[in-house]
Amino acid sequence: MKTAEIRELTVAEIAERIETEKANLLRAKLNHAVSPVENPTTLKKARRDIARMMTILAQKQNVKS
């Protein structure tokens, strides 16, 4: 997900998206432990997307405070 797309979302939507992405990442990690994933860079991409969303969420919350 691109940064511009994340910035358009509301704080609640970003928080919800973070939770779903964390669950998807956990599921992918467990699947990878059982049988290797075709493209392991998807795990790296998911981690970075979560970090990007958390950063933007923190920025938005600091602006409101």
N, C-alpha and C. Protein backbone atom coordinates (compact mmCIF):
# COMPACT_ATOMS: atom_id res chain seq x y z
N MET A 1 0.85 -1.17 0.00
CA MET A 1 0.00 0.00 0.00
C MET A 1 0.89 1.24 0.00
N LYS A 2 0.56 2.16 -0.83
CA LYS A 2 1.38 3.36 -0.97
C LYS A 2 1.07 4.36 0.14
N THR A 3 2.04 5.20 0.43
CA THR A 3 1.91 6.19 1.49
C THR A 3 0.76 7.15 1.24
N ALA A 4 0.59 7.57 0.00
CA ALA A 4 -0.50 8.50 -0.32
C ALA A 4 -1.86 7.87 -0.05
N GLU A 5 -1.99 6.58 -0.33
CA GLU A 5 -3.26 5.88 -0.07
C GLU A 5 -3.53 5.80 1.43
N ILE A 6 -2.50 5.58 2.21
CA ILE A 6 -2.67 5.46 3.66
C ILE A 6 -3.06 6.82 4.25
N ARG A 7 -2.45 7.89 3.77
CA ARG A 7 -2.74 9.22 4.30
C ARG A 7 -4.18 9.64 4.06
N GLU A 8 -4.83 9.09 3.04
CA GLU A 8 -6.22 9.43 2.75
C GLU A 8 -7.19 8.79 3.74
N LEU A 9 -6.76 7.74 4.43
CA LEU A 9 -7.62 7.02 5.36
C LEU A 9 -7.75 7.78 6.68
N THR A 10 -8.83 7.50 7.41
CA THR A 10 -9.01 8.09 8.73
C THR A 10 -8.19 7.30 9.75
N VAL A 11 -8.07 7.85 10.95
CA VAL A 11 -7.30 7.20 12.01
C VAL A 11 -7.90 5.83 12.33
N ALA A 12 -9.20 5.75 12.42
CA ALA A 12 -9.85 4.47 12.73
C ALA A 12 -9.63 3.45 11.63
N GLU A 13 -9.69 3.89 10.39
CA GLU A 13 -9.48 2.97 9.26
C GLU A 13 -8.05 2.46 9.24
N ILE A 14 -7.10 3.33 9.55
CA ILE A 14 -5.69 2.91 9.58
C ILE A 14 -5.48 1.89 10.69
N ALA A 15 -6.03 2.15 11.86
CA ALA A 15 -5.88 1.23 12.99
C ALA A 15 -6.49 -0.13 12.65
N GLU A 16 -7.63 -0.12 12.02
CA GLU A 16 -8.29 -1.37 11.62
C GLU A 16 -7.44 -2.11 10.59
N ARG A 17 -6.91 -1.39 9.64
CA ARG A 17 -6.08 -1.98 8.60
C ARG A 17 -4.81 -2.58 9.20
N ILE A 18 -4.22 -1.93 10.20
CA ILE A 18 -3.02 -2.44 10.86
C ILE A 18 -3.31 -3.79 11.51
N GLU A 19 -4.43 -3.88 12.21
CA GLU A 19 -4.79 -5.12 12.88
C GLU A 19 -4.99 -6.26 11.88
N THR A 20 -5.66 -6.00 10.78
CA THR A 20 -5.87 -7.06 9.79
C THR A 20 -4.55 -7.46 9.13
N GLU A 21 -3.68 -6.49 8.87
CA GLU A 21 -2.39 -6.81 8.25
C GLU A 21 -1.51 -7.60 9.21
N LYS A 22 -1.57 -7.29 10.50
CA LYS A 22 -0.80 -8.05 11.48
C LYS A 22 -1.29 -9.50 11.53
N ALA A 23 -2.60 -9.69 11.48
CA ALA A 23 -3.15 -11.05 11.48
C ALA A 23 -2.73 -11.80 10.22
N ASN A 24 -2.76 -11.12 9.07
CA ASN A 24 -2.34 -11.75 7.82
C ASN A 24 -0.86 -12.11 7.86
N LEU A 25 -0.03 -11.24 8.43
CA LEU A 25 1.39 -11.50 8.53
C LEU A 25 1.65 -12.71 9.43
N LEU A 26 0.96 -12.78 10.55
CA LEU A 26 1.12 -13.91 11.46
C LEU A 26 0.75 -15.22 10.76
N ARG A 27 -0.36 -15.20 10.04
CA ARG A 27 -0.81 -16.38 9.30
C ARG A 27 0.23 -16.78 8.25
N ALA A 28 0.78 -15.79 7.56
CA ALA A 28 1.79 -16.07 6.53
C ALA A 28 3.06 -16.64 7.15
N LYS A 29 3.45 -16.12 8.32
CA LYS A 29 4.64 -16.64 8.99
C LYS A 29 4.44 -18.10 9.41
N LEU A 30 3.27 -18.40 9.94
CA LEU A 30 2.99 -19.78 10.33
C LEU A 30 2.98 -20.71 9.13
N ASN A 31 2.39 -20.27 8.04
CA ASN A 31 2.39 -21.07 6.82
C ASN A 31 3.80 -21.26 6.29
N HIS A 32 4.62 -20.24 6.41
CA HIS A 32 6.00 -20.31 5.94
C HIS A 32 6.81 -21.29 6.79
N ALA A 33 6.49 -21.38 8.07
CA ALA A 33 7.20 -22.31 8.95
C ALA A 33 6.87 -23.75 8.60
N VAL A 34 5.66 -24.00 8.15
CA VAL A 34 5.23 -25.36 7.80
C VAL A 34 5.78 -25.74 6.42
N SER A 35 5.52 -24.89 5.46
CA SER A 35 6.04 -25.15 4.11
C SER A 35 6.48 -23.81 3.53
N PRO A 36 7.65 -23.77 2.94
CA PRO A 36 8.19 -22.49 2.45
C PRO A 36 7.25 -21.77 1.48
N VAL A 37 7.18 -20.47 1.64
CA VAL A 37 6.37 -19.63 0.77
C VAL A 37 7.09 -19.49 -0.57
N GLU A 38 6.32 -19.40 -1.65
CA GLU A 38 6.92 -19.23 -2.97
C GLU A 38 7.82 -18.00 -3.03
N ASN A 39 7.31 -16.89 -2.53
CA ASN A 39 8.04 -15.64 -2.61
C ASN A 39 8.19 -15.06 -1.19
N PRO A 40 9.31 -15.32 -0.52
CA PRO A 40 9.46 -14.86 0.86
C PRO A 40 9.54 -13.34 1.00
N THR A 41 9.71 -12.63 -0.09
CA THR A 41 9.74 -11.17 0.01
C THR A 41 8.36 -10.60 0.36
N THR A 42 7.31 -11.41 0.23
CA THR A 42 5.98 -10.94 0.62
C THR A 42 5.92 -10.69 2.12
N LEU A 43 6.67 -11.49 2.89
CA LEU A 43 6.71 -11.28 4.34
C LEU A 43 7.38 -9.94 4.66
N LYS A 44 8.46 -9.66 3.96
CA LYS A 44 9.17 -8.39 4.16
C LYS A 44 8.29 -7.21 3.77
N LYS A 45 7.59 -7.33 2.66
CA LYS A 45 6.70 -6.27 2.20
C LYS A 45 5.58 -6.02 3.21
N ALA A 46 5.03 -7.09 3.77
CA ALA A 46 3.96 -6.96 4.75
C ALA A 46 4.45 -6.24 6.00
N ARG A 47 5.65 -6.60 6.47
CA ARG A 47 6.22 -5.93 7.66
C ARG A 47 6.41 -4.44 7.40
N ARG A 48 6.90 -4.12 6.23
CA ARG A 48 7.15 -2.71 5.92
C ARG A 48 5.85 -1.94 5.75
N ASP A 49 4.83 -2.57 5.19
CA ASP A 49 3.52 -1.90 5.07
C ASP A 49 2.94 -1.60 6.45
N ILE A 50 3.07 -2.56 7.37
CA ILE A 50 2.57 -2.35 8.73
C ILE A 50 3.33 -1.20 9.39
N ALA A 51 4.63 -1.18 9.24
CA ALA A 51 5.44 -0.11 9.83
C ALA A 51 5.06 1.25 9.23
N ARG A 52 4.83 1.28 7.92
CA ARG A 52 4.44 2.53 7.25
C ARG A 52 3.10 3.02 7.80
N MET A 53 2.15 2.10 7.98
CA MET A 53 0.84 2.49 8.51
C MET A 53 0.94 2.97 9.95
N MET A 54 1.78 2.31 10.74
CA MET A 54 1.94 2.72 12.14
C MET A 54 2.58 4.10 12.23
N THR A 55 3.51 4.39 11.35
CA THR A 55 4.16 5.70 11.34
C THR A 55 3.16 6.80 11.00
N ILE A 56 2.37 6.57 9.97
CA ILE A 56 1.39 7.58 9.56
C ILE A 56 0.32 7.75 10.63
N LEU A 57 -0.08 6.63 11.27
CA LEU A 57 -1.05 6.71 12.35
C LEU A 57 -0.52 7.57 13.50
N ALA A 58 0.74 7.38 13.87
CA ALA A 58 1.35 8.17 14.94
C ALA A 58 1.41 9.64 14.55
N GLN A 59 1.73 9.92 13.30
CA GLN A 59 1.77 11.31 12.83
C GLN A 59 0.40 11.96 12.92
N LYS A 60 -0.62 11.24 12.49
CA LYS A 60 -1.98 11.79 12.55
C LYS A 60 -2.44 12.02 13.99
N GLN A 61 -2.08 11.11 14.87
CA GLN A 61 -2.49 11.26 16.27
C GLN A 61 -1.75 12.42 16.94
N ASN A 62 -0.52 12.67 16.55
CA ASN A 62 0.24 13.79 17.13
C ASN A 62 -0.31 15.12 16.64
N VAL A 63 -0.80 15.17 15.43
CA VAL A 63 -1.36 16.41 14.89
C VAL A 63 -2.63 16.79 15.63
N LYS A 64 -3.43 15.78 15.96
CA LYS A 64 -4.70 16.05 16.64
C LYS A 64 -4.50 16.47 18.08
N SER A 65 -3.41 16.03 18.70
CA SER A 65 -3.17 16.33 20.12
C SER A 65 -2.76 17.76 20.33
